Amino acid sequence: METRNTLHLYKTPAITQSVIFVNTRHKVDWLTDTMRSRDYTVSATHGDMDQNTRDVIMREFRSGSSRVLITTDLLARGIDVQQSSLVINYDLPTQPENYLHRIG
């Protein structure tokens, strides 16, 4: 999916919050920087962050501090964000079973 198309989705008022899954930590950082440079409020998490940092980011996302959470498959299992109205697989998962975990 092109970045331009992904960003266009956020002009739709029906999207309250979303989770975007990518395959690498580098892609998390790149997409986060890209979206922030275009004034989107974005949270990001991946395995290079310590658990306390990830917990803070998740609490902030759940509270509505940002509309977008960008992550790797680190959060595919057990992520519970009720207010998320959209899951985007920016990259297809490398493991087929992770697709089901990503979409909940």
C-alpha atoms as a PDB file:
ATOM      1  CA  MET A   1       0.000   0.000   0.000  1.00  0.00           C
ATOM      2  CA  GLU A   2       1.393   3.366  -0.897  1.00  0.00           C
ATOM      3  CA  THR A   3       1.919   5.846   1.898  1.00  0.00           C
ATOM      4  CA  ARG A   4      -0.186   8.427   0.060  1.00  0.00           C
ATOM      5  CA  ASN A   5      -3.191   6.057   0.031  1.00  0.00           C
ATOM      6  CA  THR A   6      -2.751   5.233   3.700  1.00  0.00           C
ATOM      7  CA  LEU A   7      -2.652   8.903   4.649  1.00  0.00           C
ATOM      8  CA  HIS A   8      -5.746   9.615   2.563  1.00  0.00           C
ATOM      9  CA  LEU A   9      -7.731   7.179   4.752  1.00  0.00           C
ATOM     10  CA  TYR A  10      -7.301   9.448   7.759  1.00  0.00           C
ATOM     11  CA  LYS A  11      -9.314  12.189   6.134  1.00  0.00           C
ATOM     12  CA  THR A  12     -12.359   9.936   6.619  1.00  0.00           C
ATOM     13  CA  PRO A  13     -14.167  10.951   9.826  1.00  0.00           C
ATOM     14  CA  ALA A  14     -15.466   7.418  10.471  1.00  0.00           C
ATOM     15  CA  ILE A  15     -11.989   6.200  11.357  1.00  0.00           C
ATOM     16  CA  THR A  16     -11.604   6.835  15.052  1.00  0.00           C
ATOM     17  CA  GLN A  17      -8.368   4.964  15.694  1.00  0.00           C
ATOM     18  CA  SER A  18      -6.381   2.440  13.737  1.00  0.00           C
ATOM     19  CA  VAL A  19      -3.531   0.000  14.072  1.00  0.00           C
ATOM     20  CA  ILE A  20      -1.047  -0.297  11.219  1.00  0.00           C
ATOM     21  CA  PHE A  21       1.075  -3.450  11.094  1.00  0.00           C
ATOM     22  CA  VAL A  22       4.442  -3.481   9.345  1.00  0.00           C
ATOM     23  CA  ASN A  23       7.104  -6.183   9.233  1.00  0.00           C
ATOM     24  CA  THR A  24      10.213  -4.450  10.542  1.00  0.00           C
ATOM     25  CA  ARG A  25      11.291  -2.061  13.259  1.00  0.00           C
ATOM     26  CA  HIS A  26      12.878   0.111  10.590  1.00  0.00           C
ATOM     27  CA  LYS A  27       9.522   0.357   8.779  1.00  0.00           C
ATOM     28  CA  VAL A  28       7.807   1.347  12.063  1.00  0.00           C
ATOM     29  CA  ASP A  29      10.253   4.224  12.445  1.00  0.00           C
ATOM     30  CA  TRP A  30      10.056   5.249   8.783  1.00  0.00           C
ATOM     31  CA  LEU A  31       6.236   5.241   8.596  1.00  0.00           C
ATOM     32  CA  THR A  32       5.964   7.008  11.953  1.00  0.00           C
ATOM     33  CA  ASP A  33       8.331   9.750  10.776  1.00  0.00           C
ATOM     34  CA  THR A  34       6.497  10.038   7.449  1.00  0.00           C
ATOM     35  CA  MET A  35       3.085  10.423   9.069  1.00  0.00           C
ATOM     36  CA  ARG A  36       4.318  12.818  11.755  1.00  0.00           C
ATOM     37  CA  SER A  37       5.944  14.991   9.084  1.00  0.00           C
ATOM     38  CA  ARG A  38       2.445  15.376   7.637  1.00  0.00           C
ATOM     39  CA  ASP A  39       0.984  16.373  11.020  1.00  0.00           C
ATOM     40  CA  TYR A  40      -0.684  13.085  11.976  1.00  0.00           C
ATOM     41  CA  THR A  41      -0.656  12.146  15.648  1.00  0.00           C
ATOM     42  CA  VAL A  42       0.994   8.748  15.673  1.00  0.00           C
ATOM     43  CA  SER A  43       2.098   6.287  18.347  1.00  0.00           C
ATOM     44  CA  ALA A  44       4.624   3.596  17.550  1.00  0.00           C
ATOM     45  CA  THR A  45       5.973   0.517  19.261  1.00  0.00           C
ATOM     46  CA  HIS A  46       8.312  -2.352  18.429  1.00  0.00           C
ATOM     47  CA  GLY A  47      10.591  -4.901  20.063  1.00  0.00           C
ATOM     48  CA  ASP A  48      13.553  -2.540  20.509  1.00  0.00           C
ATOM     49  CA  MET A  49      11.551  -0.632  23.121  1.00  0.00           C
ATOM     50  CA  ASP A  50      11.537  -1.789  26.722  1.00  0.00           C
ATOM     51  CA  GLN A  51       8.312  -3.133  28.198  1.00  0.00           C
ATOM     52  CA  ASN A  52       7.634  -0.048  30.328  1.00  0.00           C
ATOM     53  CA  THR A  53       7.866   2.219  27.283  1.00  0.00           C
ATOM     54  CA  ARG A  54       5.538  -0.049  25.297  1.00  0.00           C
ATOM     55  CA  ASP A  55       3.044  -0.078  28.189  1.00  0.00           C
ATOM     56  CA  VAL A  56       3.018   3.735  28.352  1.00  0.00           C
ATOM     57  CA  ILE A  57       2.509   3.981  24.585  1.00  0.00           C
ATOM     58  CA  MET A  58      -0.397   1.523  24.719  1.00  0.00           C
ATOM     59  CA  ARG A  59      -2.052   3.382  27.614  1.00  0.00           C
ATOM     60  CA  GLU A  60      -1.752   6.650  25.711  1.00  0.00           C
ATOM     61  CA  PHE A  61      -3.163   5.088  22.541  1.00  0.00           C
ATOM     62  CA  ARG A  62      -6.082   3.530  24.409  1.00  0.00           C
ATOM     63  CA  SER A  63      -6.832   6.890  26.022  1.00  0.00           C
ATOM     64  CA  GLY A  64      -7.161   8.465  22.585  1.00  0.00           C
ATOM     65  CA  SER A  65      -3.994  10.554  22.629  1.00  0.00           C
ATOM     66  CA  SER A  66      -3.309   9.445  19.065  1.00  0.00           C
ATOM     67  CA  ARG A  67      -5.429   8.076  16.234  1.00  0.00           C
ATOM     68  CA  VAL A  68      -2.774   5.781  14.798  1.00  0.00           C
ATOM     69  CA  LEU A  69      -0.643   3.025  16.308  1.00  0.00           C
ATOM     70  CA  ILE A  70       2.132   1.648  14.111  1.00  0.00           C
ATOM     71  CA  THR A  71       3.631  -1.636  15.244  1.00  0.00           C
ATOM     72  CA  THR A  72       5.217  -4.914  14.235  1.00  0.00           C
ATOM     73  CA  ASP A  73       3.796  -8.360  14.940  1.00  0.00           C
ATOM     74  CA  LEU A  74       4.992  -7.827  18.506  1.00  0.00           C
ATOM     75  CA  LEU A  75       1.442  -6.691  19.314  1.00  0.00           C
ATOM     76  CA  ALA A  76      -0.436  -8.967  16.927  1.00  0.00           C
ATOM     77  CA  ARG A  77      -1.298 -11.404  19.689  1.00  0.00           C
ATOM     78  CA  GLY A  78      -3.304 -10.067  22.549  1.00  0.00           C
ATOM     79  CA  ILE A  79      -3.741  -6.498  21.408  1.00  0.00           C
ATOM     80  CA  ASP A  80      -7.069  -5.283  22.720  1.00  0.00           C
ATOM     81  CA  VAL A  81      -7.985  -1.842  21.513  1.00  0.00           C
ATOM     82  CA  GLN A  82     -11.772  -1.675  21.477  1.00  0.00           C
ATOM     83  CA  GLN A  83     -11.995   1.790  19.977  1.00  0.00           C
ATOM     84  CA  SER A  84      -9.862   0.866  16.957  1.00  0.00           C
ATOM     85  CA  SER A  85     -12.086   0.986  13.876  1.00  0.00           C
ATOM     86  CA  LEU A  86      -9.480  -0.092  11.345  1.00  0.00           C
ATOM     87  CA  VAL A  87      -6.553  -2.504  11.072  1.00  0.00           C
ATOM     88  CA  ILE A  88      -4.168  -1.943   8.175  1.00  0.00           C
ATOM     89  CA  ASN A  89      -1.686  -4.568   7.058  1.00  0.00           C
ATOM     90  CA  TYR A  90       0.781  -2.159   5.461  1.00  0.00           C
ATOM     91  CA  ASP A  91       3.035  -5.180   4.927  1.00  0.00           C
ATOM     92  CA  LEU A  92       1.699  -8.691   4.602  1.00  0.00           C
ATOM     93  CA  PRO A  93       2.747 -10.808   7.573  1.00  0.00           C
ATOM     94  CA  THR A  94       5.672 -13.165   7.063  1.00  0.00           C
ATOM     95  CA  GLN A  95       3.857 -15.894   9.000  1.00  0.00           C
ATOM     96  CA  PRO A  96       0.340 -16.675   7.664  1.00  0.00           C
ATOM     97  CA  GLU A  97      -1.101 -17.260  11.152  1.00  0.00           C
ATOM     98  CA  ASN A  98      -0.088 -13.742  12.175  1.00  0.00           C
ATOM     99  CA  TYR A  99      -2.656 -12.347   9.754  1.00  0.00           C
ATOM    100  CA  LEU A 100      -5.468 -13.691  11.956  1.00  0.00           C
ATOM    101  CA  HIS A 101      -3.804 -12.349  15.090  1.00  0.00           C
ATOM    102  CA  ARG A 102      -3.384  -8.939  13.497  1.00  0.00           C
ATOM    103  CA  ILE A 103      -7.016  -8.522  12.501  1.00  0.00           C
ATOM    104  CA  GLY A 104      -8.288  -9.867  15.809  1.00  0.00           C
END
